[in-house]
Amino acid sequence: MDYMVLDAQALQHLEIVESNAGKVKGSLLHYVDHCQTMFGKRQLKRWLMSPLLNQQKIEGRLNAIDEMMSH
């Protein structure tokens, strides 16, 4: 498996997609989401909920992001 599986309790305690108040504002997603499309927002949410474990895949994703940011 190349990614970590976070259960609902872990997502809640870490405030990944919702704060303890039950709102997106104040969550990790709220602070890192600068996506301009709904596709990007959904993909970011999936990535945050299932972080990669494989170092090569992490580096590949970072390189892809750097390439997109340079355009």
Protein backbone atom coordinates (compact mmCIF):
# COMPACT_ATOMS: atom_id res chain seq x y z
CA MET A 1 0.00 0.00 0.00
CA ASP A 2 1.40 3.37 -1.00
CA TYR A 3 -0.77 5.53 1.21
CA MET A 4 -1.86 5.77 4.83
CA VAL A 5 -5.47 5.01 5.69
CA LEU A 6 -6.86 7.47 8.24
CA ASP A 7 -10.11 6.44 9.89
CA ALA A 8 -12.90 8.87 10.76
CA GLN A 9 -11.69 9.31 14.33
CA ALA A 10 -8.14 10.19 13.21
CA LEU A 11 -9.49 12.67 10.65
CA GLN A 12 -11.64 14.26 13.34
CA HIS A 13 -8.91 14.48 16.00
CA LEU A 14 -6.35 15.84 13.52
CA GLU A 15 -8.94 18.29 12.11
CA ILE A 16 -8.01 17.38 8.54
CA VAL A 17 -11.25 18.32 6.76
CA GLU A 18 -13.35 19.78 9.59
CA SER A 19 -12.50 21.64 12.76
CA ASN A 20 -13.83 20.46 16.11
CA ALA A 21 -16.70 22.90 15.58
CA GLY A 22 -17.79 20.82 12.57
CA LYS A 23 -16.83 23.47 10.02
CA VAL A 24 -14.24 23.52 7.25
CA LYS A 25 -12.93 26.85 8.55
CA GLY A 26 -10.12 26.13 10.97
CA SER A 27 -9.24 22.73 9.47
CA LEU A 28 -6.04 21.79 7.66
CA LEU A 29 -8.02 21.74 4.40
CA HIS A 30 -9.11 25.33 4.99
CA TYR A 31 -5.54 26.55 5.46
CA VAL A 32 -3.92 24.76 2.51
CA ASP A 33 -6.73 24.96 -0.08
CA HIS A 34 -5.83 27.51 -2.74
CA CYS A 35 -7.35 25.44 -5.55
CA GLN A 36 -9.23 27.26 -8.27
CA THR A 37 -11.36 24.37 -9.54
CA MET A 38 -13.70 21.90 -7.88
CA PHE A 39 -11.60 19.05 -9.33
CA GLY A 40 -8.53 20.47 -7.58
CA LYS A 41 -10.41 20.89 -4.30
CA ARG A 42 -11.67 17.28 -4.39
CA GLN A 43 -8.20 15.95 -5.26
CA LEU A 44 -6.56 17.94 -2.46
CA LYS A 45 -9.14 16.63 0.01
CA ARG A 46 -8.41 13.03 -1.12
CA TRP A 47 -4.67 13.60 -0.75
CA LEU A 48 -5.07 15.03 2.75
CA MET A 49 -7.31 12.16 3.83
CA SER A 50 -4.92 9.50 2.46
CA PRO A 51 -1.32 10.77 2.69
CA LEU A 52 1.36 8.97 0.70
CA LEU A 53 3.92 6.75 2.43
CA ASN A 54 6.21 5.97 -0.52
CA GLN A 55 9.06 8.52 -0.69
CA GLN A 56 9.44 8.27 -4.48
CA LYS A 57 5.74 8.95 -5.01
CA ILE A 58 5.87 11.90 -2.60
CA GLU A 59 8.82 13.37 -4.51
CA GLY A 60 7.04 12.76 -7.82
CA ARG A 61 3.97 14.63 -6.57
CA LEU A 62 6.11 17.51 -5.31
CA ASN A 63 7.91 17.73 -8.66
CA ALA A 64 4.59 17.79 -10.50
CA ILE A 65 3.36 20.61 -8.25
CA ASP A 66 6.59 22.59 -8.80
CA GLU A 67 6.19 22.19 -12.55
CA MET A 68 2.58 23.42 -12.45
CA MET A 69 3.51 26.37 -10.24
CA SER A 70 6.21 27.48 -12.70
CA HIS A 71 3.67 27.88 -15.53
